[in-house]
Amino acid sequence: ALSNWEDVINEFKSEYRVIIPMLPLYDLPLLTTGVKTLSKYIHK
């Protein structure tokens, strides 16, 4: 979950722009559910 990175955000947000997208793990059509589709989502 996004909260897994909470300590990283707290440590680095003073110097960096920390961005965590929520991966659409449960929202993709079943036929396209896979790691390549998630990579394309990140590109978008």
PDB file of all heavy atoms in Angstrom:
ATOM      1  N   ALA A   1       0.857  -1.186   0.000  1.00  0.00           N
ATOM      2  CA  ALA A   1       0.000   0.000   0.000  1.00  0.00           C
ATOM      3  C   ALA A   1       0.890   1.231   0.000  1.00  0.00           C
ATOM      4  O   ALA A   1       2.093   1.152   0.235  1.00  0.00           O
ATOM      5  CB  ALA A   1      -0.895  -0.008   1.234  1.00  0.00           C
ATOM      6  N   LEU A   2       0.295   2.380  -0.264  1.00  0.00           N
ATOM      7  CA  LEU A   2       1.051   3.625  -0.267  1.00  0.00           C
ATOM      8  C   LEU A   2       1.716   3.856   1.082  1.00  0.00           C
ATOM      9  O   LEU A   2       2.809   4.408   1.165  1.00  0.00           O
ATOM     10  CB  LEU A   2       0.128   4.800  -0.606  1.00  0.00           C
ATOM     11  CG  LEU A   2      -0.697   4.701  -1.901  1.00  0.00           C
ATOM     12  CD1 LEU A   2      -1.431   6.001  -2.160  1.00  0.00           C
ATOM     13  CD2 LEU A   2       0.179   4.365  -3.096  1.00  0.00           C
ATOM     14  N   SER A   3       1.060   3.408   2.159  1.00  0.00           N
ATOM     15  CA  SER A   3       1.579   3.633   3.512  1.00  0.00           C
ATOM     16  C   SER A   3       2.888   2.886   3.765  1.00  0.00           C
ATOM     17  O   SER A   3       3.614   3.213   4.709  1.00  0.00           O
ATOM     18  CB  SER A   3       0.536   3.194   4.548  1.00  0.00           C
ATOM     19  OG  SER A   3       0.215   1.827   4.383  1.00  0.00           O
ATOM     20  N   ASN A   4       3.202   1.891   2.933  1.00  0.00           N
ATOM     21  CA  ASN A   4       4.464   1.159   3.103  1.00  0.00           C
ATOM     22  C   ASN A   4       5.672   2.091   3.019  1.00  0.00           C
ATOM     23  O   ASN A   4       6.733   1.790   3.556  1.00  0.00           O
ATOM     24  CB  ASN A   4       4.615   0.079   2.024  1.00  0.00           C
ATOM     25  CG  ASN A   4       3.587  -1.034   2.113  1.00  0.00           C
ATOM     26  OD1 ASN A   4       3.493  -1.867   1.241  1.00  0.00           O
ATOM     27  ND2 ASN A   4       2.773  -1.035   3.162  1.00  0.00           N
ATOM     28  N   TRP A   5       5.499   3.211   2.329  1.00  0.00           N
ATOM     29  CA  TRP A   5       6.610   4.146   2.099  1.00  0.00           C
ATOM     30  C   TRP A   5       6.588   5.332   3.064  1.00  0.00           C
ATOM     31  O   TRP A   5       7.298   6.313   2.859  1.00  0.00           O
ATOM     32  CB  TRP A   5       6.546   4.677   0.659  1.00  0.00           C
ATOM     33  CG  TRP A   5       6.758   3.642  -0.394  1.00  0.00           C
ATOM     34  CD1 TRP A   5       5.816   3.076  -1.198  1.00  0.00           C
ATOM     35  CD2 TRP A   5       8.015   3.062  -0.808  1.00  0.00           C
ATOM     36  NE1 TRP A   5       6.405   2.190  -2.065  1.00  0.00           N
ATOM     37  CE2 TRP A   5       7.739   2.160  -1.844  1.00  0.00           C
ATOM     38  CE3 TRP A   5       9.336   3.238  -0.375  1.00  0.00           C
ATOM     39  CZ2 TRP A   5       8.740   1.425  -2.474  1.00  0.00           C
ATOM     40  CZ3 TRP A   5      10.330   2.497  -0.997  1.00  0.00           C
ATOM     41  CH2 TRP A   5      10.034   1.603  -2.032  1.00  0.00           C
ATOM     42  N   GLU A   6       5.797   5.259   4.122  1.00  0.00           N
ATOM     43  CA  GLU A   6       5.594   6.419   5.002  1.00  0.00           C
ATOM     44  C   GLU A   6       6.905   6.975   5.553  1.00  0.00           C
ATOM     45  O   GLU A   6       7.125   8.196   5.578  1.00  0.00           O
ATOM     46  CB  GLU A   6       4.668   6.028   6.155  1.00  0.00           C
ATOM     47  CG  GLU A   6       4.259   7.199   7.011  1.00  0.00           C
ATOM     48  CD  GLU A   6       3.094   6.866   7.949  1.00  0.00           C
ATOM     49  OE1 GLU A   6       2.631   5.699   7.951  1.00  0.00           O
ATOM     50  OE2 GLU A   6       2.664   7.780   8.660  1.00  0.00           O
ATOM     51  N   ASP A   7       7.798   6.108   6.001  1.00  0.00           N
ATOM     52  CA  ASP A   7       9.067   6.575   6.584  1.00  0.00           C
ATOM     53  C   ASP A   7       9.979   7.201   5.536  1.00  0.00           C
ATOM     54  O   ASP A   7      10.761   8.101   5.854  1.00  0.00           O
ATOM     55  CB  ASP A   7       9.776   5.419   7.295  1.00  0.00           C
ATOM     56  CG  ASP A   7       9.064   5.030   8.587  1.00  0.00           C
ATOM     57  OD1 ASP A   7       9.036   5.852   9.515  1.00  0.00           O
ATOM     58  OD2 ASP A   7       8.527   3.915   8.654  1.00  0.00           O
ATOM     59  N   VAL A   8       9.896   6.732   4.309  1.00  0.00           N
ATOM     60  CA  VAL A   8      10.677   7.339   3.221  1.00  0.00           C
ATOM     61  C   VAL A   8      10.150   8.746   2.931  1.00  0.00           C
ATOM     62  O   VAL A   8      10.932   9.692   2.772  1.00  0.00           O
ATOM     63  CB  VAL A   8      10.638   6.457   1.954  1.00  0.00           C
ATOM     64  CG1 VAL A   8      11.307   7.162   0.774  1.00  0.00           C
ATOM     65  CG2 VAL A   8      11.323   5.118   2.221  1.00  0.00           C
ATOM     66  N   ILE A   9       8.835   8.874   2.881  1.00  0.00           N
ATOM     67  CA  ILE A   9       8.244  10.204   2.648  1.00  0.00           C
ATOM     68  C   ILE A   9       8.704  11.174   3.735  1.00  0.00           C
ATOM     69  O   ILE A   9       9.177  12.282   3.444  1.00  0.00           O
ATOM     70  CB  ILE A   9       6.701  10.139   2.644  1.00  0.00           C
ATOM     71  CG1 ILE A   9       6.181   9.208   1.558  1.00  0.00           C
ATOM     72  CG2 ILE A   9       6.116  11.540   2.443  1.00  0.00           C
ATOM     73  CD1 ILE A   9       4.683   8.936   1.644  1.00  0.00           C
ATOM     74  N   ASN A  10       8.570  10.755   4.994  1.00  0.00           N
ATOM     75  CA  ASN A  10       8.905  11.642   6.105  1.00  0.00           C
ATOM     76  C   ASN A  10      10.382  12.046   6.090  1.00  0.00           C
ATOM     77  O   ASN A  10      10.719  13.178   6.425  1.00  0.00           O
ATOM     78  CB  ASN A  10       8.560  10.972   7.436  1.00  0.00           C
ATOM     79  CG  ASN A  10       7.066  10.950   7.701  1.00  0.00           C
ATOM     80  OD1 ASN A  10       6.350  11.866   7.298  1.00  0.00           O
ATOM     81  ND2 ASN A  10       6.582   9.908   8.355  1.00  0.00           N
ATOM     82  N   GLU A  11      11.235  11.127   5.683  1.00  0.00           N
ATOM     83  CA  GLU A  11      12.676  11.390   5.679  1.00  0.00           C
ATOM     84  C   GLU A  11      13.090  12.316   4.540  1.00  0.00           C
ATOM     85  O   GLU A  11      13.974  13.166   4.705  1.00  0.00           O
ATOM     86  CB  GLU A  11      13.442  10.064   5.574  1.00  0.00           C
ATOM     87  CG  GLU A  11      14.956  10.205   5.530  1.00  0.00           C
ATOM     88  CD  GLU A  11      15.557  10.705   6.841  1.00  0.00           C
ATOM     89  OE1 GLU A  11      14.961  10.450   7.914  1.00  0.00           O
ATOM     90  OE2 GLU A  11      16.625  11.347   6.792  1.00  0.00           O
ATOM     91  N   PHE A  12      12.458  12.189   3.382  1.00  0.00           N
ATOM     92  CA  PHE A  12      12.982  12.849   2.179  1.00  0.00           C
ATOM     93  C   PHE A  12      12.132  14.008   1.654  1.00  0.00           C
ATOM     94  O   PHE A  12      12.569  14.730   0.761  1.00  0.00           O
ATOM     95  CB  PHE A  12      13.187  11.811   1.064  1.00  0.00           C
ATOM     96  CG  PHE A  12      14.310  10.858   1.361  1.00  0.00           C
ATOM     97  CD1 PHE A  12      14.054   9.635   1.956  1.00  0.00           C
ATOM     98  CD2 PHE A  12      15.619  11.198   1.072  1.00  0.00           C
ATOM     99  CE1 PHE A  12      15.094   8.752   2.253  1.00  0.00           C
ATOM    100  CE2 PHE A  12      16.668  10.326   1.361  1.00  0.00           C
ATOM    101  CZ  PHE A  12      16.403   9.101   1.959  1.00  0.00           C
ATOM    102  N   LYS A  13      10.944  14.227   2.207  1.00  0.00           N
ATOM    103  CA  LYS A  13      10.065  15.256   1.647  1.00  0.00           C
ATOM    104  C   LYS A  13      10.609  16.673   1.841  1.00  0.00           C
ATOM    105  O   LYS A  13      10.180  17.602   1.146  1.00  0.00           O
ATOM    106  CB  LYS A  13       8.656  15.146   2.231  1.00  0.00           C
ATOM    107  CG  LYS A  13       8.569  15.451   3.717  1.00  0.00           C
ATOM    108  CD  LYS A  13       7.142  15.305   4.209  1.00  0.00           C
ATOM    109  CE  LYS A  13       7.073  15.613   5.699  1.00  0.00           C
ATOM    110  NZ  LYS A  13       5.698  15.500   6.215  1.00  0.00           N
ATOM    111  N   SER A  14      11.566  16.854   2.748  1.00  0.00           N
ATOM    112  CA  SER A  14      12.141  18.188   2.940  1.00  0.00           C
ATOM    113  C   SER A  14      13.109  18.566   1.829  1.00  0.00           C
ATOM    114  O   SER A  14      13.380  19.749   1.608  1.00  0.00           O
ATOM    115  CB  SER A  14      12.852  18.275   4.296  1.00  0.00           C
ATOM    116  OG  SER A  14      13.911  17.333   4.355  1.00  0.00           O
ATOM    117  N   GLU A  15      13.634  17.552   1.113  1.00  0.00           N
ATOM    118  CA  GLU A  15      14.612  17.812   0.046  1.00  0.00           C
ATOM    119  C   GLU A  15      14.132  17.382  -1.332  1.00  0.00           C
ATOM    120  O   GLU A  15      14.675  17.829  -2.341  1.00  0.00           O
ATOM    121  CB  GLU A  15      15.922  17.062   0.343  1.00  0.00           C
ATOM    122  CG  GLU A  15      16.706  17.552   1.529  1.00  0.00           C
ATOM    123  CD  GLU A  15      17.987  16.752   1.682  1.00  0.00           C
ATOM    124  OE1 GLU A  15      18.833  16.802   0.752  1.00  0.00           O
ATOM    125  OE2 GLU A  15      18.142  16.060   2.705  1.00  0.00           O
ATOM    126  N   TYR A  16      13.144  16.489  -1.371  1.00  0.00           N
ATOM    127  CA  TYR A  16      12.720  15.895  -2.635  1.00  0.00           C
ATOM    128  C   TYR A  16      11.200  16.012  -2.787  1.00  0.00           C
ATOM    129  O   TYR A  16      10.470  16.198  -1.815  1.00  0.00           O
ATOM    130  CB  TYR A  16      13.111  14.410  -2.697  1.00  0.00           C
ATOM    131  CG  TYR A  16      14.595  14.177  -2.803  1.00  0.00           C
ATOM    132  CD1 TYR A  16      15.388  14.101  -1.647  1.00  0.00           C
ATOM    133  CD2 TYR A  16      15.208  14.039  -4.039  1.00  0.00           C
ATOM    134  CE1 TYR A  16      16.748  13.884  -1.745  1.00  0.00           C
ATOM    135  CE2 TYR A  16      16.573  13.822  -4.142  1.00  0.00           C
ATOM    136  CZ  TYR A  16      17.335  13.754  -2.990  1.00  0.00           C
ATOM    137  OH  TYR A  16      18.685  13.554  -3.084  1.00  0.00           O
ATOM    138  N   ARG A  17      10.770  15.872  -4.012  1.00  0.00           N
ATOM    139  CA  ARG A  17       9.345  15.761  -4.327  1.00  0.00           C
ATOM    140  C   ARG A  17       9.041  14.265  -4.413  1.00  0.00           C
ATOM    141  O   ARG A  17       9.423  13.589  -5.373  1.00  0.00           O
ATOM    142  CB  ARG A  17       9.089  16.468  -5.658  1.00  0.00           C
ATOM    143  CG  ARG A  17       7.646  16.532  -6.095  1.00  0.00           C
ATOM    144  CD  ARG A  17       7.586  17.274  -7.431  1.00  0.00           C
ATOM    145  NE  ARG A  17       6.320  17.140  -8.122  1.00  0.00           N
ATOM    146  CZ  ARG A  17       6.166  17.295  -9.424  1.00  0.00           C
ATOM    147  NH1 ARG A  17       7.221  17.610 -10.188  1.00  0.00           N
ATOM    148  NH2 ARG A  17       4.971  17.156  -9.982  1.00  0.00           N
ATOM    149  N   VAL A  18       8.403  13.748  -3.389  1.00  0.00           N
ATOM    150  CA  VAL A  18       8.159  12.301  -3.273  1.00  0.00           C
ATOM    151  C   VAL A  18       6.748  12.004  -3.789  1.00  0.00           C
ATOM    152  O   VAL A  18       5.759  12.531  -3.271  1.00  0.00           O
ATOM    153  CB  VAL A  18       8.310  11.834  -1.817  1.00  0.00           C
ATOM    154  CG1 VAL A  18       8.173  10.312  -1.742  1.00  0.00           C
ATOM    155  CG2 VAL A  18       9.652  12.282  -1.234  1.00  0.00           C
ATOM    156  N   ILE A  19       6.676  11.137  -4.800  1.00  0.00           N
ATOM    157  CA  ILE A  19       5.386  10.825  -5.436  1.00  0.00           C
ATOM    158  C   ILE A  19       5.168   9.312  -5.418  1.00  0.00           C
ATOM    159  O   ILE A  19       6.054   8.545  -5.803  1.00  0.00           O
ATOM    160  CB  ILE A  19       5.350  11.336  -6.888  1.00  0.00           C
ATOM    161  CG1 ILE A  19       5.649  12.848  -6.939  1.00  0.00           C
ATOM    162  CG2 ILE A  19       3.992  11.043  -7.522  1.00  0.00           C
ATOM    163  CD1 ILE A  19       5.742  13.396  -8.350  1.00  0.00           C
ATOM    164  N   ILE A  20       3.990   8.911  -4.976  1.00  0.00           N
ATOM    165  CA  ILE A  20       3.645   7.478  -4.941  1.00  0.00           C
ATOM    166  C   ILE A  20       2.303   7.272  -5.631  1.00  0.00           C
ATOM    167  O   ILE A  20       1.249   7.590  -5.064  1.00  0.00           O
ATOM    168  CB  ILE A  20       3.539   6.930  -3.510  1.00  0.00           C
ATOM    169  CG1 ILE A  20       4.644   7.475  -2.616  1.00  0.00           C
ATOM    170  CG2 ILE A  20       3.565   5.405  -3.528  1.00  0.00           C
ATOM    171  CD1 ILE A  20       4.492   7.061  -1.173  1.00  0.00           C
ATOM    172  N   PRO A  21       2.291   6.758  -6.855  1.00  0.00           N
ATOM    173  CA  PRO A  21       1.013   6.440  -7.502  1.00  0.00           C
ATOM    174  C   PRO A  21       0.429   5.147  -6.945  1.00  0.00           C
ATOM    175  O   PRO A  21       1.160   4.219  -6.593  1.00  0.00           O
ATOM    176  CB  PRO A  21       1.400   6.275  -8.971  1.00  0.00           C
ATOM    177  CG  PRO A  21       2.834   5.854  -8.943  1.00  0.00           C
ATOM    178  CD  PRO A  21       3.451   6.465  -7.717  1.00  0.00           C
ATOM    179  N   MET A  22      -0.869   5.100  -6.852  1.00  0.00           N
ATOM    180  CA  MET A  22      -1.554   3.865  -6.477  1.00  0.00           C
ATOM    181  C   MET A  22      -1.690   3.001  -7.722  1.00  0.00           C
ATOM    182  O   MET A  22      -2.325   3.400  -8.698  1.00  0.00           O
ATOM    183  CB  MET A  22      -2.927   4.185  -5.873  1.00  0.00           C
ATOM    184  CG  MET A  22      -3.668   2.963  -5.369  1.00  0.00           C
ATOM    185  SD  MET A  22      -5.309   3.405  -4.713  1.00  0.00           S
ATOM    186  CE  MET A  22      -4.822   4.167  -3.167  1.00  0.00           C
ATOM    187  N   LEU A  23      -1.073   1.850  -7.712  1.00  0.00           N
ATOM    188  CA  LEU A  23      -1.141   0.968  -8.876  1.00  0.00           C
ATOM    189  C   LEU A  23      -2.547   0.369  -8.989  1.00  0.00           C
ATOM    190  O   LEU A  23      -3.105  -0.091  -7.985  1.00  0.00           O
ATOM    191  CB  LEU A  23      -0.103  -0.152  -8.760  1.00  0.00           C
ATOM    192  CG  LEU A  23       1.359   0.299  -8.718  1.00  0.00           C
ATOM    193  CD1 LEU A  23       2.286  -0.900  -8.525  1.00  0.00           C
ATOM    194  CD2 LEU A  23       1.740   1.060  -9.985  1.00  0.00           C
ATOM    195  N   PRO A  24      -3.125   0.344 -10.187  1.00  0.00           N
ATOM    196  CA  PRO A  24      -4.508  -0.126 -10.360  1.00  0.00           C
ATOM    197  C   PRO A  24      -4.590  -1.652 -10.401  1.00  0.00           C
ATOM    198  O   PRO A  24      -5.059  -2.254 -11.378  1.00  0.00           O
ATOM    199  CB  PRO A  24      -4.898   0.493 -11.709  1.00  0.00           C
ATOM    200  CG  PRO A  24      -3.613   0.532 -12.480  1.00  0.00           C
ATOM    201  CD  PRO A  24      -2.534   0.818 -11.456  1.00  0.00           C
ATOM    202  N   LEU A  25      -4.153  -2.273  -9.321  1.00  0.00           N
ATOM    203  CA  LEU A  25      -4.038  -3.728  -9.301  1.00  0.00           C
ATOM    204  C   LEU A  25      -5.384  -4.423  -9.494  1.00  0.00           C
ATOM    205  O   LEU A  25      -5.455  -5.516 -10.061  1.00  0.00           O
ATOM    206  CB  LEU A  25      -3.433  -4.178  -7.964  1.00  0.00           C
ATOM    207  CG  LEU A  25      -2.022  -3.675  -7.666  1.00  0.00           C
ATOM    208  CD1 LEU A  25      -1.643  -4.003  -6.235  1.00  0.00           C
ATOM    209  CD2 LEU A  25      -1.013  -4.273  -8.639  1.00  0.00           C
ATOM    210  N   TYR A  26      -6.447  -3.806  -9.011  1.00  0.00           N
ATOM    211  CA  TYR A  26      -7.754  -4.468  -9.012  1.00  0.00           C
ATOM    212  C   TYR A  26      -8.721  -3.869 -10.030  1.00  0.00           C
ATOM    213  O   TYR A  26      -9.883  -4.246 -10.087  1.00  0.00           O
ATOM    214  CB  TYR A  26      -8.376  -4.386  -7.606  1.00  0.00           C
ATOM    215  CG  TYR A  26      -7.417  -4.772  -6.519  1.00  0.00           C
ATOM    216  CD1 TYR A  26      -7.111  -3.888  -5.493  1.00  0.00           C
ATOM    217  CD2 TYR A  26      -6.790  -6.019  -6.519  1.00  0.00           C
ATOM    218  CE1 TYR A  26      -6.219  -4.234  -4.492  1.00  0.00           C
ATOM    219  CE2 TYR A  26      -5.888  -6.371  -5.530  1.00  0.00           C
ATOM    220  CZ  TYR A  26      -5.612  -5.470  -4.520  1.00  0.00           C
ATOM    221  OH  TYR A  26      -4.708  -5.817  -3.526  1.00  0.00           O
ATOM    222  N   ASP A  27      -8.227  -2.923 -10.812  1.00  0.00           N
ATOM    223  CA  ASP A  27      -9.100  -2.193 -11.726  1.00  0.00           C
ATOM    224  C   ASP A  27      -8.891  -2.537 -13.199  1.00  0.00           C
ATOM    225  O   ASP A  27      -9.641  -2.076 -14.056  1.00  0.00           O
ATOM    226  CB  ASP A  27      -8.888  -0.676 -11.553  1.00  0.00           C
ATOM    227  CG  ASP A  27      -9.120  -0.239 -10.123  1.00  0.00           C
ATOM    228  OD1 ASP A  27      -9.993  -0.843  -9.461  1.00  0.00           O
ATOM    229  OD2 ASP A  27      -8.420   0.670  -9.655  1.00  0.00           O
ATOM    230  N   LEU A  28      -7.861  -3.306 -13.496  1.00  0.00           N
ATOM    231  CA  LEU A  28      -7.568  -3.629 -14.888  1.00  0.00           C
ATOM    232  C   LEU A  28      -8.494  -4.737 -15.387  1.00  0.00           C
ATOM    233  O   LEU A  28      -8.885  -5.621 -14.609  1.00  0.00           O
ATOM    234  CB  LEU A  28      -6.113  -4.091 -15.035  1.00  0.00           C
ATOM    235  CG  LEU A  28      -5.027  -3.099 -14.616  1.00  0.00           C
ATOM    236  CD1 LEU A  28      -3.665  -3.785 -14.627  1.00  0.00           C
ATOM    237  CD2 LEU A  28      -5.016  -1.895 -15.539  1.00  0.00           C
ATOM    238  N   PRO A  29      -8.828  -4.727 -16.673  1.00  0.00           N
ATOM    239  CA  PRO A  29      -9.539  -5.886 -17.234  1.00  0.00           C
ATOM    240  C   PRO A  29      -8.702  -7.146 -17.021  1.00  0.00           C
ATOM    241  O   PRO A  29      -7.474  -7.102 -17.129  1.00  0.00           O
ATOM    242  CB  PRO A  29      -9.641  -5.546 -18.725  1.00  0.00           C
ATOM    243  CG  PRO A  29      -9.441  -4.072 -18.814  1.00  0.00           C
ATOM    244  CD  PRO A  29      -8.535  -3.699 -17.677  1.00  0.00           C
ATOM    245  N   LEU A  30      -9.351  -8.240 -16.705  1.00  0.00           N
ATOM    246  CA  LEU A  30      -8.631  -9.458 -16.346  1.00  0.00           C
ATOM    247  C   LEU A  30      -7.646  -9.881 -17.431  1.00  0.00           C
ATOM    248  O   LEU A  30      -6.517 -10.302 -17.138  1.00  0.00           O
ATOM    249  CB  LEU A  30      -9.623 -10.588 -16.053  1.00  0.00           C
ATOM    250  CG  LEU A  30      -9.035 -11.849 -15.399  1.00  0.00           C
ATOM    251  CD1 LEU A  30      -8.309 -11.499 -14.108  1.00  0.00           C
ATOM    252  CD2 LEU A  30     -10.134 -12.855 -15.125  1.00  0.00           C
ATOM    253  N   LEU A  31      -8.034  -9.734 -18.695  1.00  0.00           N
ATOM    254  CA  LEU A  31      -7.166 -10.173 -19.794  1.00  0.00           C
ATOM    255  C   LEU A  31      -5.874  -9.358 -19.886  1.00  0.00           C
ATOM    256  O   LEU A  31      -4.880  -9.831 -20.436  1.00  0.00           O
ATOM    257  CB  LEU A  31      -7.918 -10.100 -21.128  1.00  0.00           C
ATOM    258  CG  LEU A  31      -8.953 -11.204 -21.359  1.00  0.00           C
ATOM    259  CD1 LEU A  31      -9.740 -10.937 -22.642  1.00  0.00           C
ATOM    260  CD2 LEU A  31      -8.306 -12.580 -21.420  1.00  0.00           C
ATOM    261  N   THR A  32      -5.886  -8.142 -19.376  1.00  0.00           N
ATOM    262  CA  THR A  32      -4.689  -7.301 -19.469  1.00  0.00           C
ATOM    263  C   THR A  32      -4.010  -7.109 -18.108  1.00  0.00           C
ATOM    264  O   THR A  32      -3.105  -6.281 -17.974  1.00  0.00           O
ATOM    265  CB  THR A  32      -5.019  -5.908 -20.060  1.00  0.00           C
ATOM    266  OG1 THR A  32      -5.973  -5.262 -19.220  1.00  0.00           O
ATOM    267  CG2 THR A  32      -5.571  -6.042 -21.458  1.00  0.00           C
ATOM    268  N   THR A  33      -4.457  -7.853 -17.096  1.00  0.00           N
ATOM    269  CA  THR A  33      -3.846  -7.739 -15.778  1.00  0.00           C
ATOM    270  C   THR A  33      -2.462  -8.379 -15.808  1.00  0.00           C
ATOM    271  O   THR A  33      -2.323  -9.583 -15.978  1.00  0.00           O
ATOM    272  CB  THR A  33      -4.723  -8.420 -14.705  1.00  0.00           C
ATOM    273  OG1 THR A  33      -5.937  -7.689 -14.569  1.00  0.00           O
ATOM    274  CG2 THR A  33      -4.016  -8.457 -13.359  1.00  0.00           C
ATOM    275  N   GLY A  34      -1.430  -7.538 -15.677  1.00  0.00           N
ATOM    276  CA  GLY A  34      -0.060  -8.048 -15.725  1.00  0.00           C
ATOM    277  C   GLY A  34       0.951  -6.939 -15.515  1.00  0.00           C
ATOM    278  O   GLY A  34       0.615  -5.750 -15.490  1.00  0.00           O
ATOM    279  N   VAL A  35       2.216  -7.333 -15.374  1.00  0.00           N
ATOM    280  CA  VAL A  35       3.270  -6.365 -15.053  1.00  0.00           C
ATOM    281  C   VAL A  35       3.515  -5.380 -16.205  1.00  0.00           C
ATOM    282  O   VAL A  35       3.802  -4.209 -15.961  1.00  0.00           O
ATOM    283  CB  VAL A  35       4.587  -7.084 -14.670  1.00  0.00           C
ATOM    284  CG1 VAL A  35       4.487  -7.672 -13.268  1.00  0.00           C
ATOM    285  CG2 VAL A  35       4.962  -8.171 -15.672  1.00  0.00           C
ATOM    286  N   LYS A  36       3.372  -5.820 -17.446  1.00  0.00           N
ATOM    287  CA  LYS A  36       3.573  -4.905 -18.577  1.00  0.00           C
ATOM    288  C   LYS A  36       2.510  -3.813 -18.601  1.00  0.00           C
ATOM    289  O   LYS A  36       2.809  -2.646 -18.894  1.00  0.00           O
ATOM    290  CB  LYS A  36       3.543  -5.677 -19.905  1.00  0.00           C
ATOM    291  CG  LYS A  36       4.810  -6.455 -20.205  1.00  0.00           C
ATOM    292  CD  LYS A  36       4.729  -7.064 -21.600  1.00  0.00           C
ATOM    293  CE  LYS A  36       6.026  -7.758 -21.972  1.00  0.00           C
ATOM    294  NZ  LYS A  36       5.946  -8.375 -23.326  1.00  0.00           N
ATOM    295  N   THR A  37       1.283  -4.170 -18.284  1.00  0.00           N
ATOM    296  CA  THR A  37       0.204  -3.187 -18.253  1.00  0.00           C
ATOM    297  C   THR A  37       0.443  -2.154 -17.158  1.00  0.00           C
ATOM    298  O   THR A  37       0.195  -0.962 -17.345  1.00  0.00           O
ATOM    299  CB  THR A  37      -1.158  -3.879 -18.032  1.00  0.00           C
ATOM    300  OG1 THR A  37      -1.311  -4.909 -19.006  1.00  0.00           O
ATOM    301  CG2 THR A  37      -2.307  -2.898 -18.166  1.00  0.00           C
ATOM    302  N   LEU A  38       0.950  -2.604 -16.006  1.00  0.00           N
ATOM    303  CA  LEU A  38       1.269  -1.659 -14.931  1.00  0.00           C
ATOM    304  C   LEU A  38       2.385  -0.711 -15.344  1.00  0.00           C
ATOM    305  O   LEU A  38       2.360   0.480 -15.012  1.00  0.00           O
ATOM    306  CB  LEU A  38       1.664  -2.414 -13.659  1.00  0.00           C
ATOM    307  CG  LEU A  38       0.550  -3.158 -12.932  1.00  0.00           C
ATOM    308  CD1 LEU A  38       1.097  -3.817 -11.679  1.00  0.00           C
ATOM    309  CD2 LEU A  38      -0.599  -2.230 -12.568  1.00  0.00           C
ATOM    310  N   SER A  39       3.350  -1.221 -16.095  1.00  0.00           N
ATOM    311  CA  SER A  39       4.434  -0.364 -16.590  1.00  0.00           C
ATOM    312  C   SER A  39       3.886   0.706 -17.530  1.00  0.00           C
ATOM    313  O   SER A  39       4.296   1.879 -17.478  1.00  0.00           O
ATOM    314  CB  SER A  39       5.492  -1.210 -17.295  1.00  0.00           C
ATOM    315  OG  SER A  39       6.475  -0.392 -17.877  1.00  0.00           O
ATOM    316  N   LYS A  40       2.956   0.323 -18.383  1.00  0.00           N
ATOM    317  CA  LYS A  40       2.323   1.295 -19.295  1.00  0.00           C
ATOM    318  C   LYS A  40       1.525   2.331 -18.506  1.00  0.00           C
ATOM    319  O   LYS A  40       1.488   3.515 -18.865  1.00  0.00           O
ATOM    320  CB  LYS A  40       1.422   0.571 -20.298  1.00  0.00           C
ATOM    321  CG  LYS A  40       2.203  -0.252 -21.320  1.00  0.00           C
ATOM    322  CD  LYS A  40       1.273  -1.071 -22.201  1.00  0.00           C
ATOM    323  CE  LYS A  40       2.068  -1.935 -23.181  1.00  0.00           C
ATOM    324  NZ  LYS A  40       1.181  -2.852 -23.943  1.00  0.00           N
ATOM    325  N   TYR A  41       0.896   1.886 -17.435  1.00  0.00           N
ATOM    326  CA  TYR A  41       0.154   2.811 -16.566  1.00  0.00           C
ATOM    327  C   TYR A  41       1.109   3.843 -15.954  1.00  0.00           C
ATOM    328  O   TYR A  41       0.803   5.046 -15.910  1.00  0.00           O
ATOM    329  CB  TYR A  41      -0.558   2.020 -15.474  1.00  0.00           C
ATOM    330  CG  TYR A  41      -1.284   2.871 -14.465  1.00  0.00           C
ATOM    331  CD1 TYR A  41      -2.586   3.312 -14.698  1.00  0.00           C
ATOM    332  CD2 TYR A  41      -0.663   3.230 -13.269  1.00  0.00           C
ATOM    333  CE1 TYR A  41      -3.257   4.095 -13.766  1.00  0.00           C
ATOM    334  CE2 TYR A  41      -1.329   4.018 -12.334  1.00  0.00           C
ATOM    335  CZ  TYR A  41      -2.622   4.440 -12.593  1.00  0.00           C
ATOM    336  OH  TYR A  41      -3.277   5.220 -11.673  1.00  0.00           O
ATOM    337  N   ILE A  42       2.266   3.377 -15.500  1.00  0.00           N
ATOM    338  CA  ILE A  42       3.264   4.295 -14.936  1.00  0.00           C
ATOM    339  C   ILE A  42       3.735   5.286 -15.996  1.00  0.00           C
ATOM    340  O   ILE A  42       3.925   6.473 -15.715  1.00  0.00           O
ATOM    341  CB  ILE A  42       4.462   3.512 -14.339  1.00  0.00           C
ATOM    342  CG1 ILE A  42       4.013   2.727 -13.105  1.00  0.00           C
ATOM    343  CG2 ILE A  42       5.618   4.444 -13.979  1.00  0.00           C
ATOM    344  CD1 ILE A  42       3.407   3.582 -11.998  1.00  0.00           C
ATOM    345  N   HIS A  43       3.898   4.830 -17.223  1.00  0.00           N
ATOM    346  CA  HIS A  43       4.307   5.739 -18.304  1.00  0.00           C
ATOM    347  C   HIS A  43       3.251   6.834 -18.518  1.00  0.00           C
ATOM    348  O   HIS A  43       3.602   8.016 -18.687  1.00  0.00           O
ATOM    349  CB  HIS A  43       4.534   4.953 -19.597  1.00  0.00           C
ATOM    350  CG  HIS A  43       4.998   5.795 -20.734  1.00  0.00           C
ATOM    351  ND1 HIS A  43       6.089   6.638 -20.647  1.00  0.00           N
ATOM    352  CD2 HIS A  43       4.519   5.953 -21.999  1.00  0.00           C
ATOM    353  CE1 HIS A  43       6.256   7.269 -21.795  1.00  0.00           C
ATOM    354  NE2 HIS A  43       5.321   6.868 -22.630  1.00  0.00           N
ATOM    355  N   LYS A  44       1.991   6.435 -18.478  1.00  0.00           N
ATOM    356  CA  LYS A  44       0.913   7.433 -18.619  1.00  0.00           C
ATOM    357  C   LYS A  44       0.936   8.426 -17.455  1.00  0.00           C
ATOM    358  O   LYS A  44       0.732   9.629 -17.636  1.00  0.00           O
ATOM    359  CB  LYS A  44      -0.449   6.738 -18.679  1.00  0.00           C
ATOM    360  CG  LYS A  44      -0.718   5.975 -19.968  1.00  0.00           C
ATOM    361  CD  LYS A  44      -2.060   5.258 -19.884  1.00  0.00           C
ATOM    362  CE  LYS A  44      -2.279   4.367 -21.105  1.00  0.00           C
ATOM    363  NZ  LYS A  44      -3.494   3.536 -20.951  1.00  0.00           N
TER     364      LYS A  44
END
